Amino acid sequence: MGAIAFDTAGGTIANVPPKLRELEARLRKVGFVRQAAKGSHRKWIHPSGKLVVISGNEGDDAKKYQENLVEEAVAAVTRASKSR
């Protein structure tokens, strides 16, 4: 999940989206391996066959759909490993 940023001047709180490298670290942690891809696209594949493609540079802020994609992939792989 993204970090929370505090604006001390205005007292506002904003959610800061995670970087793409943080999403990729989550994938790596549950066993995904990076495969070759073209351009700014990176393919992550799990030994179970689950595939996730992430586009953008590693330092870019993640879009909400990318966060959801990674969360769903991690959950699916975690559920599959628990059911064995």
Foldseek 3Di string as FASTA:
>chain_A
DFDWDADVVVRDIDGFADFQLVLVVLLVVLAWDWDDDDDQWIWTAHPVGDIDIDGDHRRDGDDPVNVVRSVVVSVVSVVVVVVD
